[in-house]
Amino acid sequence: CIPLGVSIPVGKDSMSMRTVWKDSGKVENKVVAPVSLIVSGFAQVRDVGLTLTPELMNGNSGTVLLLIDLGCGKNRLGGSILAETAKQLGGEVPDLDNPELLRGFFGFVQSLLEDQLVLAYHDRSDGGLVTTVCEMMFAGRCGISLNLKDSQADHVGFLFSEELGAVIQVERDTLSEVNDRSRKFGIEDQVMEIGTMNSGDRLDIYAGDELLLSQSRSACQQAWSSTSWQMQRLRDNPFCADQEYLRITDQQDSGLFCDLTFEYDSEFRQSVNLSLQKPGIAILREQGVNGHLEMAAAFEAVGFTPHDVTMTDILGGMKLDGFKGLAACGGFSFGDVLGAGAGWGKSILYNDVLKEEFAGFFSRTDTFGLGVCNGCQMLSCIRDIIPGAEHWPDFVRNTSEQYEARFIMAEIVSETSILTTDMKGSMIPVPTSHGEGRVEYRNTDDKAMLEDRNQVCMRFVDSRGCVTERYPLNPNGSPGGATGFTTRDGRFTILMPHPERVFLTSSNPWHPDRWGKYSPWIKLFENARNWVG
């Protein structure tokens, strides 16, 4: 810790934990646990936008893969996954022999990152070099050609040892600058070129001119995923598990994308006059709700004044007549033990004070509302007191039989909602996090009425932009991919996905390079502000 300049922030007494027992009440035995020490450190991040992932920048043949080998060529296999699968210990284990190299490595990567000289990054110490390269290949959905030099005569050790180090992708044109910086940070002997991307969607490993291995990316990825797939078949709906596993072989699956039908200001400087009076919006929550902060932040960004409003506040006499908007947030009200959102909804329907207060708010013509996830489930539960919501569906357990946290594609299919004005046809990635999001219509008439009146406002789509019921692109199995609904006049909207979580570009796990500070989902909240006037 001293040469790295790292402090241990907290104490931990688990190293002194032990279990004591007596055999036949006579001989005392004890086991000290745990048998290994884990020390974690943390640091401030100045710019969360400067983030590297294992996703290779595909379509650029002018890039190379570099290995930074902090093991200095030792390739120790002790404790490795390879040794474990062979039921061996593996001999000597990797270690940090020279802390100064690790310090130089960190400075080197930070320097490249600051000047955007590195395109992708992945560590090697969990599975070894071949696992690192495969995971980068899966993320980029592309092929890689590895070239082992004569100095790496121990091919098995070189590919499978879990020594410290990382693989980075850089432009070939910047290679001389990258090498100069490695010398500046004292790690030039640890940096070596190991391969390039290929157009064959295969993992090819060469030793000189000899081809050691040639395997398709999909075969590698299915092998990599096979254990999880088998466990998923036992734990979840096996049909869903099989659909996700087979998706790996779909060569036409291009993954996430963004296709907009509107122009949006990614820096959000012009559409809303933030100097105008800021209307109030109630950010509604109940016991167990946890999505109120990001919801408040999204509405505040477009010129609302968000107010933290709990159900207890309203029971205590708080009135909703001072608010223009109401946003019911995501989470797990009452632990979902009464059904997702059902306990929250019934607490309104079965309390005369609450029912009257909410019904009065919904009946006003100058108000709007948004329910997301748990808030969506709750508002669907009280649809009878929301004008124009009488055909809304119920939301029941996902087809997969599991809680689903995904980042997937959704399409805006209607402009009936005041929130989706000018957004029809846009397809944007969005997160989902729910266990009971599958749409269940009470009867076929409800489904037909919602579709005929364009009250279905959002659907799940695949990478081709087609409405989908396939798992996991449709994570809950909703018929027709439906996952968002609005009232006949469009003032009240319910969504299972979470656009409020990703209104900032930096909150998205993936996004196109062209996005600025705000993602296109800012348009939903901007539309609400413009509607209020």
Protein backbone atom coordinates (compact mmCIF):
# COMPACT_ATOMS: atom_id res chain seq x y z
CA CYS A 1 0.00 0.00 0.00
CA ILE A 2 2.83 2.43 0.79
CA PRO A 3 4.57 2.43 -2.64
CA LEU A 4 1.16 2.56 -4.35
CA GLY A 5 0.04 5.51 -2.24
CA VAL A 6 -3.14 3.64 -1.27
CA SER A 7 -4.69 3.76 2.17
CA ILE A 8 -7.01 1.15 3.67
CA PRO A 9 -10.10 3.25 4.46
CA VAL A 10 -11.77 1.06 7.08
CA GLY A 11 -10.87 -1.64 9.56
CA LYS A 12 -12.20 -5.16 9.23
CA ASP A 13 -12.30 -7.71 12.04
CA SER A 14 -13.29 -10.69 9.90
CA MET A 15 -9.68 -11.93 9.89
CA SER A 16 -10.11 -12.77 13.56
CA MET A 17 -13.37 -14.68 13.12
CA ARG A 18 -13.29 -18.31 14.09
CA THR A 19 -15.52 -21.30 14.77
CA VAL A 20 -14.91 -23.48 17.85
CA TRP A 21 -16.41 -26.87 18.69
CA LYS A 22 -15.64 -29.97 20.77
CA ASP A 23 -15.55 -33.56 19.56
CA SER A 24 -17.58 -35.76 21.92
CA GLY A 25 -17.51 -32.86 24.33
CA LYS A 26 -13.77 -33.29 24.99
CA VAL A 27 -11.29 -32.23 22.29
CA GLU A 28 -11.58 -28.60 21.29
CA ASN A 29 -11.24 -27.76 17.57
CA LYS A 30 -11.21 -24.38 15.89
CA VAL A 31 -11.18 -23.03 12.35
CA VAL A 32 -10.09 -19.46 11.63
CA ALA A 33 -11.91 -17.78 8.75
CA PRO A 34 -11.52 -16.40 6.20
CA VAL A 35 -8.30 -17.87 4.85
CA SER A 36 -7.57 -14.92 2.56
CA LEU A 37 -7.44 -11.15 3.02
CA ILE A 38 -9.25 -8.81 0.65
CA VAL A 39 -8.35 -5.11 0.77
CA SER A 40 -10.38 -2.64 -1.31
CA GLY A 41 -9.41 0.90 -2.21
CA PHE A 42 -11.31 3.69 -3.92
CA ALA A 43 -10.63 7.08 -5.47
CA GLN A 44 -12.47 10.12 -6.70
CA VAL A 45 -13.40 10.18 -10.40
CA ARG A 46 -13.11 13.61 -11.99
CA ASP A 47 -15.02 12.80 -15.20
CA VAL A 48 -17.36 9.80 -15.34
CA GLY A 49 -17.63 10.31 -19.11
CA LEU A 50 -14.07 9.07 -19.57
CA THR A 51 -14.87 5.40 -19.14
CA LEU A 52 -13.39 2.37 -20.86
CA THR A 53 -15.18 -0.92 -21.45
CA PRO A 54 -14.18 -4.24 -23.07
CA GLU A 55 -16.25 -3.37 -26.16
CA LEU A 56 -13.89 -3.41 -29.13
CA MET A 57 -14.44 -0.67 -31.68
CA ASN A 58 -15.54 -2.83 -34.57
CA GLY A 59 -15.23 -1.91 -38.25
CA ASN A 60 -11.81 -0.33 -37.81
CA SER A 61 -9.08 -2.48 -39.32
CA GLY A 62 -6.45 0.07 -38.35
CA THR A 63 -6.33 -0.94 -34.68
CA VAL A 64 -4.10 -3.26 -32.68
CA LEU A 65 -4.39 -5.09 -29.37
CA LEU A 66 -1.67 -4.52 -26.79
CA LEU A 67 -0.99 -6.61 -23.69
CA ILE A 68 0.44 -4.87 -20.64
CA ASP A 69 2.09 -7.77 -18.80
CA LEU A 70 2.65 -6.87 -15.16
CA GLY A 71 3.67 -10.49 -14.48
CA CYS A 72 6.86 -9.81 -16.47
CA GLY A 73 6.58 -13.06 -18.43
CA LYS A 74 6.36 -15.39 -15.42
CA ASN A 75 3.00 -16.89 -16.43
CA ARG A 76 2.39 -18.61 -13.07
CA LEU A 77 -0.62 -20.93 -13.22
CA GLY A 78 -1.21 -21.57 -9.50
CA GLY A 79 -4.83 -21.07 -8.51
CA SER A 80 -5.91 -20.38 -12.10
CA ILE A 81 -9.19 -21.44 -13.65
CA LEU A 82 -7.22 -23.70 -15.97
CA ALA A 83 -5.64 -25.50 -13.02
CA GLU A 84 -9.01 -25.81 -11.31
CA THR A 85 -10.69 -27.35 -14.35
CA ALA A 86 -7.81 -29.85 -14.52
CA LYS A 87 -8.27 -30.60 -10.80
CA GLN A 88 -4.78 -29.32 -10.03
CA LEU A 89 -3.35 -26.63 -7.79
CA GLY A 90 -1.15 -25.30 -10.55
CA GLY A 91 2.05 -24.61 -8.59
CA GLU A 92 3.22 -21.05 -7.96
CA VAL A 93 0.54 -18.36 -7.86
CA PRO A 94 0.67 -14.90 -9.48
CA ASP A 95 1.78 -12.02 -7.28
CA LEU A 96 2.50 -8.31 -7.42
CA ASP A 97 6.29 -8.52 -7.38
CA ASN A 98 6.90 -4.86 -8.24
CA PRO A 99 4.37 -2.32 -6.97
CA GLU A 100 6.09 0.43 -8.97
CA LEU A 101 5.04 -1.31 -12.19
CA LEU A 102 1.41 -1.27 -11.08
CA ARG A 103 1.70 2.42 -10.25
CA GLY A 104 3.25 3.11 -13.65
CA PHE A 105 0.57 1.02 -15.36
CA PHE A 106 -2.19 3.05 -13.73
CA GLY A 107 -0.60 6.35 -14.77
CA PHE A 108 -0.06 5.01 -18.30
CA VAL A 109 -3.71 4.01 -18.78
CA GLN A 110 -4.97 7.26 -17.23
CA SER A 111 -2.75 9.23 -19.58
CA LEU A 112 -4.08 7.38 -22.64
CA LEU A 113 -7.64 7.77 -21.42
CA GLU A 114 -7.30 11.49 -20.81
CA ASP A 115 -6.17 12.08 -24.40
CA GLN A 116 -8.55 9.44 -25.84
CA LEU A 117 -5.75 7.28 -27.21
CA VAL A 118 -7.29 4.00 -26.05
CA LEU A 119 -10.50 2.53 -27.49
CA ALA A 120 -11.18 -0.52 -25.28
CA TYR A 121 -9.77 -2.06 -22.10
CA HIS A 122 -10.11 -5.30 -20.16
CA ASP A 123 -8.10 -6.83 -17.31
CA ARG A 124 -6.44 -10.22 -17.64
CA SER A 125 -6.34 -11.45 -14.04
CA ASP A 126 -9.67 -13.32 -14.15
CA GLY A 127 -9.33 -16.24 -16.53
CA GLY A 128 -6.13 -15.25 -18.30
CA LEU A 129 -5.33 -13.66 -21.64
CA VAL A 130 -7.49 -15.95 -23.76
CA THR A 131 -10.54 -15.26 -21.59
CA THR A 132 -9.85 -11.53 -21.71
CA VAL A 133 -9.62 -11.54 -25.49
CA CYS A 134 -12.74 -13.69 -25.85
CA GLU A 135 -14.79 -11.38 -23.61
CA MET A 136 -13.64 -8.38 -25.67
CA MET A 137 -14.60 -10.29 -28.81
CA PHE A 138 -18.08 -11.01 -27.39
CA ALA A 139 -18.62 -7.38 -26.39
CA GLY A 140 -17.56 -6.09 -29.81
CA ARG A 141 -19.25 -8.99 -31.65
CA CYS A 142 -16.25 -9.36 -33.93
CA GLY A 143 -13.27 -11.62 -34.67
CA ILE A 144 -9.74 -11.46 -33.25
CA SER A 145 -6.43 -12.82 -34.52
CA LEU A 146 -3.81 -13.41 -31.81
CA ASN A 147 -0.16 -13.77 -32.73
CA LEU A 148 2.14 -15.50 -30.22
CA LYS A 149 5.81 -14.59 -30.53
CA ASP A 150 8.78 -16.90 -30.06
CA SER A 151 9.29 -15.33 -26.64
CA GLN A 152 5.95 -16.83 -25.61
CA ALA A 153 7.04 -20.43 -26.11
CA ASP A 154 4.92 -21.53 -23.15
CA HIS A 155 1.66 -21.08 -25.02
CA VAL A 156 -0.51 -22.56 -22.28
CA GLY A 157 1.01 -20.36 -19.58
CA PHE A 158 0.88 -17.26 -21.77
CA LEU A 159 -2.79 -17.78 -22.64
CA PHE A 160 -4.15 -19.00 -19.30
CA SER A 161 -2.04 -17.54 -16.48
CA GLU A 162 -3.95 -14.99 -14.42
CA GLU A 163 -1.05 -12.62 -13.86
CA LEU A 164 -1.77 -8.94 -13.38
CA GLY A 165 -2.16 -7.01 -16.61
CA ALA A 166 -4.60 -5.78 -19.20
CA VAL A 167 -5.37 -5.77 -22.90
CA ILE A 168 -6.08 -2.47 -24.66
CA GLN A 169 -7.16 -1.56 -28.18
CA VAL A 170 -5.45 1.43 -29.81
CA GLU A 171 -5.26 2.97 -33.28
CA ARG A 172 -2.21 1.77 -35.20
CA ASP A 173 -1.53 5.38 -36.21
CA THR A 174 -1.08 6.28 -32.53
CA LEU A 175 1.14 3.33 -31.69
CA SER A 176 4.34 5.38 -31.54
CA GLU A 177 2.73 7.86 -29.14
CA VAL A 178 1.44 5.01 -26.97
CA ASN A 179 4.91 3.48 -26.84
CA ASP A 180 6.42 6.85 -25.91
CA ARG A 181 4.04 7.09 -22.97
CA SER A 182 4.85 3.57 -21.83
CA ARG A 183 8.50 4.67 -21.60
CA LYS A 184 7.48 7.79 -19.70
CA PHE A 185 5.76 5.65 -17.05
CA GLY A 186 8.51 3.03 -16.93
CA ILE A 187 6.55 0.06 -18.31
CA GLU A 188 7.87 -0.09 -21.89
CA ASP A 189 9.16 -3.66 -21.37
CA GLN A 190 5.68 -4.79 -20.31
CA VAL A 191 3.81 -3.53 -23.40
CA MET A 192 3.62 -5.86 -26.41
CA GLU A 193 1.48 -6.13 -29.53
CA ILE A 194 -0.48 -9.37 -29.49
CA GLY A 195 -3.06 -9.17 -32.27
CA THR A 196 -5.64 -7.44 -34.43
CA MET A 197 -9.31 -7.71 -35.28
CA ASN A 198 -10.39 -9.85 -38.21
CA SER A 199 -13.41 -9.84 -40.50
CA GLY A 200 -14.16 -13.55 -40.08
CA ASP A 201 -15.98 -13.32 -36.72
CA ARG A 202 -13.53 -15.96 -35.42
CA LEU A 203 -10.87 -16.38 -32.79
CA ASP A 204 -7.66 -17.31 -34.61
CA ILE A 205 -4.53 -18.00 -32.56
CA TYR A 206 -1.21 -18.21 -34.39
CA ALA A 207 2.29 -19.14 -33.26
CA GLY A 208 4.34 -17.58 -36.03
CA ASP A 209 2.82 -18.99 -39.23
CA GLU A 210 1.25 -21.96 -37.46
CA LEU A 211 -2.48 -21.78 -36.77
CA LEU A 212 -3.02 -23.22 -33.28
CA LEU A 213 -6.77 -22.60 -33.02
CA SER A 214 -9.57 -21.28 -35.19
CA GLN A 215 -12.99 -21.11 -33.56
CA SER A 216 -16.10 -19.08 -34.42
CA ARG A 217 -17.03 -16.28 -32.08
CA SER A 218 -20.48 -17.76 -31.52
CA ALA A 219 -19.04 -21.19 -30.58
CA CYS A 220 -16.65 -19.56 -28.11
CA GLN A 221 -19.43 -17.46 -26.63
CA GLN A 222 -21.80 -20.41 -26.27
CA ALA A 223 -19.07 -22.38 -24.49
CA TRP A 224 -18.41 -19.36 -22.27
CA SER A 225 -22.15 -19.08 -21.48
CA SER A 226 -22.97 -22.77 -21.22
CA THR A 227 -22.72 -23.10 -17.42
CA SER A 228 -24.92 -20.05 -16.86
CA TRP A 229 -27.37 -21.35 -19.46
CA GLN A 230 -27.70 -24.73 -17.73
CA MET A 231 -28.17 -23.09 -14.32
CA GLN A 232 -30.72 -20.70 -15.82
CA ARG A 233 -32.69 -23.62 -17.28
CA LEU A 234 -32.97 -25.14 -13.79
CA ARG A 235 -33.75 -21.88 -12.00
CA ASP A 236 -35.90 -20.00 -14.53
CA ASN A 237 -38.30 -20.77 -17.33
CA PRO A 238 -36.17 -23.10 -19.53
CA PHE A 239 -37.85 -21.80 -22.70
CA CYS A 240 -36.56 -18.28 -21.95
CA ALA A 241 -33.11 -19.62 -21.09
CA ASP A 242 -32.95 -21.41 -24.44
CA GLN A 243 -34.03 -18.30 -26.34
CA GLU A 244 -31.26 -16.24 -24.77
CA TYR A 245 -28.66 -18.95 -25.42
CA LEU A 246 -29.65 -19.35 -29.08
CA ARG A 247 -29.51 -15.59 -29.61
CA ILE A 248 -25.70 -15.89 -29.45
CA THR A 249 -25.70 -17.63 -32.86
CA ASP A 250 -27.84 -14.97 -34.58
CA GLN A 251 -25.35 -13.39 -36.98
CA GLN A 252 -27.86 -10.68 -37.91
CA ASP A 253 -28.23 -9.45 -34.32
CA SER A 254 -26.45 -6.09 -34.36
CA GLY A 255 -27.21 -5.25 -30.73
CA LEU A 256 -28.15 -1.85 -29.33
CA PHE A 257 -28.68 1.19 -31.54
CA CYS A 258 -30.46 4.54 -31.58
CA ASP A 259 -32.77 5.76 -34.36
CA LEU A 260 -34.47 9.09 -33.72
CA THR A 261 -37.36 10.72 -35.59
CA PHE A 262 -36.77 14.07 -33.90
CA GLU A 263 -33.99 16.58 -33.46
CA TYR A 264 -32.94 16.91 -29.86
CA ASP A 265 -30.56 19.31 -28.17
CA SER A 266 -28.07 17.03 -26.43
CA GLU A 267 -26.82 19.94 -24.32
CA PHE A 268 -30.41 21.10 -23.62
CA ARG A 269 -29.92 24.84 -24.15
CA GLN A 270 -32.85 26.03 -26.23
CA SER A 271 -36.14 24.17 -26.02
CA VAL A 272 -37.38 25.20 -22.57
CA ASN A 273 -36.97 28.67 -21.10
CA LEU A 274 -35.66 27.76 -17.67
CA SER A 275 -36.05 31.36 -16.50
CA LEU A 276 -39.82 30.97 -16.49
CA GLN A 277 -41.71 30.07 -13.34
CA LYS A 278 -40.98 26.48 -12.40
CA PRO A 279 -44.19 24.47 -11.92
CA GLY A 280 -44.34 22.04 -9.02
CA ILE A 281 -44.38 18.30 -9.49
CA ALA A 282 -45.03 15.74 -6.76
CA ILE A 283 -42.42 12.96 -6.77
CA LEU A 284 -44.62 10.36 -5.12
CA ARG A 285 -43.25 7.48 -3.09
CA GLU A 286 -44.39 4.83 -0.68
CA GLN A 287 -42.51 2.56 1.72
CA GLY A 288 -40.04 0.57 -0.43
CA VAL A 289 -39.94 2.97 -3.39
CA ASN A 290 -36.34 3.78 -4.35
CA GLY A 291 -36.42 5.61 -7.70
CA HIS A 292 -37.44 9.04 -6.47
CA LEU A 293 -34.07 10.79 -6.71
CA GLU A 294 -33.46 10.15 -10.43
CA MET A 295 -37.09 10.99 -11.17
CA ALA A 296 -36.75 14.31 -9.35
CA ALA A 297 -33.46 15.04 -11.14
CA ALA A 298 -35.01 14.42 -14.57
CA PHE A 299 -37.92 16.78 -13.97
CA GLU A 300 -35.74 19.41 -12.31
CA ALA A 301 -33.41 19.41 -15.36
CA VAL A 302 -36.26 20.62 -17.61
CA GLY A 303 -37.55 23.36 -15.33
CA PHE A 304 -39.89 21.76 -12.78
CA THR A 305 -39.67 22.17 -9.02
CA PRO A 306 -39.81 18.61 -7.67
CA HIS A 307 -41.31 17.99 -4.22
CA ASP A 308 -40.71 14.82 -2.24
CA VAL A 309 -44.23 13.63 -1.39
CA THR A 310 -44.93 10.47 0.59
CA MET A 311 -48.24 8.74 1.08
CA THR A 312 -47.93 9.55 4.77
CA ASP A 313 -47.80 13.26 3.86
CA ILE A 314 -51.10 13.01 1.98
CA LEU A 315 -52.70 11.02 4.78
CA GLY A 316 -51.55 13.81 7.09
CA GLY A 317 -53.41 16.45 5.11
CA MET A 318 -51.10 17.48 2.26
CA LYS A 319 -53.09 18.49 -0.82
CA LEU A 320 -52.21 17.77 -4.44
CA ASP A 321 -53.93 20.86 -5.79
CA GLY A 322 -50.65 22.80 -5.71
CA PHE A 323 -48.99 20.53 -8.24
CA LYS A 324 -49.18 20.44 -12.03
CA GLY A 325 -47.64 16.99 -12.27
CA LEU A 326 -47.34 13.73 -10.35
CA ALA A 327 -44.66 11.09 -10.87
CA ALA A 328 -45.04 7.71 -9.18
CA CYS A 329 -41.61 6.13 -8.88
CA GLY A 330 -40.06 2.68 -9.14
CA GLY A 331 -39.10 0.30 -6.37
CA PHE A 332 -40.81 -2.33 -4.27
CA SER A 333 -43.69 -0.80 -2.36
CA PHE A 334 -44.53 -2.99 0.63
CA GLY A 335 -41.94 -5.47 -0.66
CA ASP A 336 -44.35 -6.45 -3.46
CA VAL A 337 -45.79 -9.06 -1.08
CA LEU A 338 -49.33 -8.07 -2.10
CA GLY A 339 -48.42 -8.09 -5.78
CA ALA A 340 -46.24 -5.50 -7.51
CA GLY A 341 -47.76 -2.07 -6.86
CA ALA A 342 -50.99 -3.64 -5.62
CA GLY A 343 -50.55 -2.79 -1.95
CA TRP A 344 -49.77 0.81 -2.85
CA GLY A 345 -52.78 1.03 -5.18
CA LYS A 346 -55.22 -0.55 -2.76
CA SER A 347 -54.09 1.79 0.01
CA ILE A 348 -55.55 4.55 -2.19
CA LEU A 349 -58.69 2.77 -3.36
CA TYR A 350 -59.68 1.60 0.14
CA ASN A 351 -59.07 4.90 1.91
CA ASP A 352 -61.73 7.51 1.28
CA VAL A 353 -59.40 10.45 1.99
CA LEU A 354 -56.68 9.25 -0.37
CA LYS A 355 -59.12 8.14 -3.06
CA GLU A 356 -60.84 11.52 -3.10
CA GLU A 357 -57.54 13.42 -3.17
CA PHE A 358 -56.10 11.43 -6.07
CA ALA A 359 -59.37 11.36 -8.01
CA GLY A 360 -59.55 15.14 -7.70
CA PHE A 361 -56.01 15.51 -9.07
CA PHE A 362 -56.68 13.18 -12.01
CA SER A 363 -59.93 14.93 -12.94
CA ARG A 364 -58.31 18.36 -13.29
CA THR A 365 -57.64 19.24 -16.93
CA ASP A 366 -54.38 21.07 -16.19
CA THR A 367 -52.53 18.13 -14.61
CA PHE A 368 -50.41 15.27 -15.95
CA GLY A 369 -48.83 12.17 -14.47
CA LEU A 370 -46.16 9.55 -15.07
CA GLY A 371 -45.88 6.14 -13.44
CA VAL A 372 -42.68 4.13 -13.92
CA CYS A 373 -42.16 0.48 -12.94
CA ASN A 374 -43.68 0.14 -9.45
CA GLY A 375 -45.48 3.43 -10.09
CA CYS A 376 -46.75 2.01 -13.38
CA GLN A 377 -48.12 -1.05 -11.60
CA MET A 378 -49.70 1.12 -8.92
CA LEU A 379 -51.43 3.50 -11.36
CA SER A 380 -52.77 0.57 -13.38
CA CYS A 381 -54.26 -0.73 -10.12
CA ILE A 382 -56.22 2.51 -9.61
CA ARG A 383 -57.20 2.98 -13.28
CA ASP A 384 -60.89 3.24 -12.34
CA ILE A 385 -60.31 6.72 -10.87
CA ILE A 386 -58.12 7.94 -13.77
CA PRO A 387 -60.20 9.32 -16.66
CA GLY A 388 -59.48 7.48 -19.91
CA ALA A 389 -57.47 4.68 -18.27
CA GLU A 390 -60.27 2.15 -17.92
CA HIS A 391 -58.73 -0.26 -20.47
CA TRP A 392 -55.22 -0.31 -18.99
CA PRO A 393 -53.89 -3.84 -18.36
CA ASP A 394 -52.56 -5.53 -15.25
CA PHE A 395 -48.86 -6.30 -14.84
CA VAL A 396 -48.04 -9.82 -13.74
CA ARG A 397 -45.04 -12.10 -13.20
CA ASN A 398 -42.43 -12.16 -15.97
CA THR A 399 -42.50 -15.18 -18.27
CA SER A 400 -38.90 -15.92 -17.24
CA GLU A 401 -40.15 -16.25 -13.64
CA GLN A 402 -37.30 -13.98 -12.52
CA TYR A 403 -36.54 -10.36 -11.76
CA GLU A 404 -35.16 -8.86 -14.97
CA ALA A 405 -32.66 -6.00 -15.01
CA ARG A 406 -31.82 -5.34 -18.67
CA PHE A 407 -30.71 -2.57 -21.02
CA ILE A 408 -32.73 -3.14 -24.17
CA MET A 409 -34.45 -1.47 -27.11
CA ALA A 410 -37.82 0.30 -26.97
CA GLU A 411 -39.80 2.08 -29.67
CA ILE A 412 -42.17 5.02 -29.20
CA VAL A 413 -45.23 3.90 -31.18
CA SER A 414 -47.75 6.65 -30.41
CA GLU A 415 -47.86 10.40 -29.84
CA THR A 416 -51.13 10.29 -27.92
CA SER A 417 -49.23 10.77 -24.66
CA ILE A 418 -48.20 14.36 -24.00
CA LEU A 419 -44.80 12.96 -23.06
CA THR A 420 -44.12 11.38 -26.48
CA THR A 421 -44.94 14.37 -28.67
CA ASP A 422 -42.81 14.34 -31.85
CA MET A 423 -41.17 11.05 -30.78
CA LYS A 424 -43.25 8.48 -32.72
CA GLY A 425 -41.05 5.92 -34.45
CA SER A 426 -37.95 6.66 -32.37
CA MET A 427 -36.04 3.63 -31.08
CA ILE A 428 -33.82 4.19 -28.04
CA PRO A 429 -32.08 1.89 -25.54
CA VAL A 430 -33.66 1.94 -22.07
CA PRO A 431 -33.18 0.05 -18.77
CA THR A 432 -35.80 -2.23 -17.26
CA SER A 433 -35.83 -3.57 -13.68
CA HIS A 434 -38.86 -5.57 -12.63
CA GLY A 435 -40.16 -9.00 -11.71
CA GLU A 436 -43.81 -8.41 -12.63
CA GLY A 437 -43.93 -6.46 -15.87
CA ARG A 438 -45.75 -8.79 -18.22
CA VAL A 439 -48.85 -7.14 -19.66
CA GLU A 440 -52.06 -9.07 -19.03
CA TYR A 441 -55.24 -7.67 -20.58
CA ARG A 442 -58.44 -8.35 -18.71
CA ASN A 443 -60.19 -9.13 -22.02
CA THR A 444 -59.60 -8.88 -25.75
CA ASP A 445 -61.77 -5.76 -25.95
CA ASP A 446 -59.36 -3.88 -23.70
CA LYS A 447 -56.43 -4.75 -25.97
CA ALA A 448 -58.33 -3.73 -29.10
CA MET A 449 -59.54 -0.45 -27.58
CA LEU A 450 -56.04 0.55 -26.47
CA GLU A 451 -54.58 -0.19 -29.87
CA ASP A 452 -57.39 1.45 -31.84
CA ARG A 453 -57.10 4.62 -29.76
CA ASN A 454 -53.28 4.67 -29.96
CA GLN A 455 -53.01 4.37 -26.20
CA VAL A 456 -50.16 1.86 -26.46
CA CYS A 457 -47.21 4.25 -26.50
CA MET A 458 -44.12 2.04 -26.15
CA ARG A 459 -43.08 -1.45 -27.28
CA PHE A 460 -39.96 -3.60 -27.04
CA VAL A 461 -38.12 -4.10 -30.35
CA ASP A 462 -35.18 -6.19 -31.49
CA SER A 463 -31.93 -5.08 -33.16
CA ARG A 464 -33.73 -4.97 -36.52
CA GLY A 465 -36.35 -2.57 -35.15
CA CYS A 466 -39.13 -5.18 -35.21
CA VAL A 467 -41.62 -5.60 -32.37
CA THR A 468 -40.55 -8.63 -30.37
CA GLU A 469 -41.82 -11.13 -27.85
CA ARG A 470 -38.50 -12.99 -27.72
CA TYR A 471 -36.54 -13.16 -24.49
CA PRO A 472 -34.48 -11.29 -23.34
CA LEU A 473 -35.20 -8.50 -25.87
CA ASN A 474 -38.70 -8.55 -24.40
CA PRO A 475 -37.68 -9.24 -20.79
CA ASN A 476 -41.15 -9.87 -19.38
CA GLY A 477 -42.93 -11.62 -22.25
CA SER A 478 -45.61 -8.97 -22.83
CA PRO A 479 -47.79 -9.74 -25.87
CA GLY A 480 -46.92 -7.56 -28.82
CA GLY A 481 -43.98 -6.14 -26.87
CA ALA A 482 -46.30 -3.60 -25.22
CA THR A 483 -44.68 -1.87 -22.25
CA GLY A 484 -46.18 1.63 -22.07
CA PHE A 485 -49.74 3.02 -22.06
CA THR A 486 -51.48 6.37 -21.82
CA THR A 487 -54.96 7.75 -21.25
CA ARG A 488 -57.27 8.80 -24.06
CA ASP A 489 -56.27 12.45 -23.64
CA GLY A 490 -52.60 11.55 -23.13
CA ARG A 491 -52.24 13.33 -19.78
CA PHE A 492 -51.37 10.23 -17.74
CA THR A 493 -48.80 7.71 -18.90
CA ILE A 494 -47.46 4.48 -17.42
CA LEU A 495 -44.17 2.82 -18.45
CA MET A 496 -42.43 -0.32 -17.22
CA PRO A 497 -38.95 0.79 -18.46
CA HIS A 498 -36.95 3.50 -16.66
CA PRO A 499 -36.20 6.48 -18.96
CA GLU A 500 -35.65 8.69 -15.88
CA ARG A 501 -32.57 6.65 -14.99
CA VAL A 502 -30.83 7.47 -18.26
CA PHE A 503 -31.78 11.06 -19.10
CA LEU A 504 -28.10 11.85 -18.59
CA THR A 505 -25.84 10.30 -21.22
CA SER A 506 -23.27 9.34 -18.58
CA SER A 507 -25.87 7.10 -16.87
CA ASN A 508 -26.26 4.89 -19.94
CA PRO A 509 -24.24 1.65 -19.96
CA TRP A 510 -23.97 2.10 -23.74
CA HIS A 511 -24.64 5.06 -26.00
CA PRO A 512 -23.63 6.39 -29.44
CA ASP A 513 -20.62 8.70 -29.43
CA ARG A 514 -22.68 11.58 -30.80
CA TRP A 515 -24.77 12.03 -27.65
CA GLY A 516 -23.86 15.02 -25.54
CA LYS A 517 -24.66 15.71 -21.89
CA TYR A 518 -28.29 14.58 -22.19
CA SER A 519 -29.66 11.45 -23.82
CA PRO A 520 -32.71 11.57 -26.13
CA TRP A 521 -34.89 10.50 -23.18
CA ILE A 522 -34.69 14.12 -21.96
CA LYS A 523 -37.35 14.76 -24.64
CA LEU A 524 -40.01 12.98 -22.54
CA PHE A 525 -39.54 15.39 -19.67
CA GLU A 526 -39.08 18.38 -21.97
CA ASN A 527 -42.45 17.59 -23.55
CA ALA A 528 -44.08 17.62 -20.12
CA ARG A 529 -42.61 21.05 -19.36
CA ASN A 530 -43.72 22.45 -22.71
CA TRP A 531 -47.23 21.06 -22.20
CA VAL A 532 -47.57 22.78 -18.83
CA GLY A 533 -46.53 26.06 -20.48
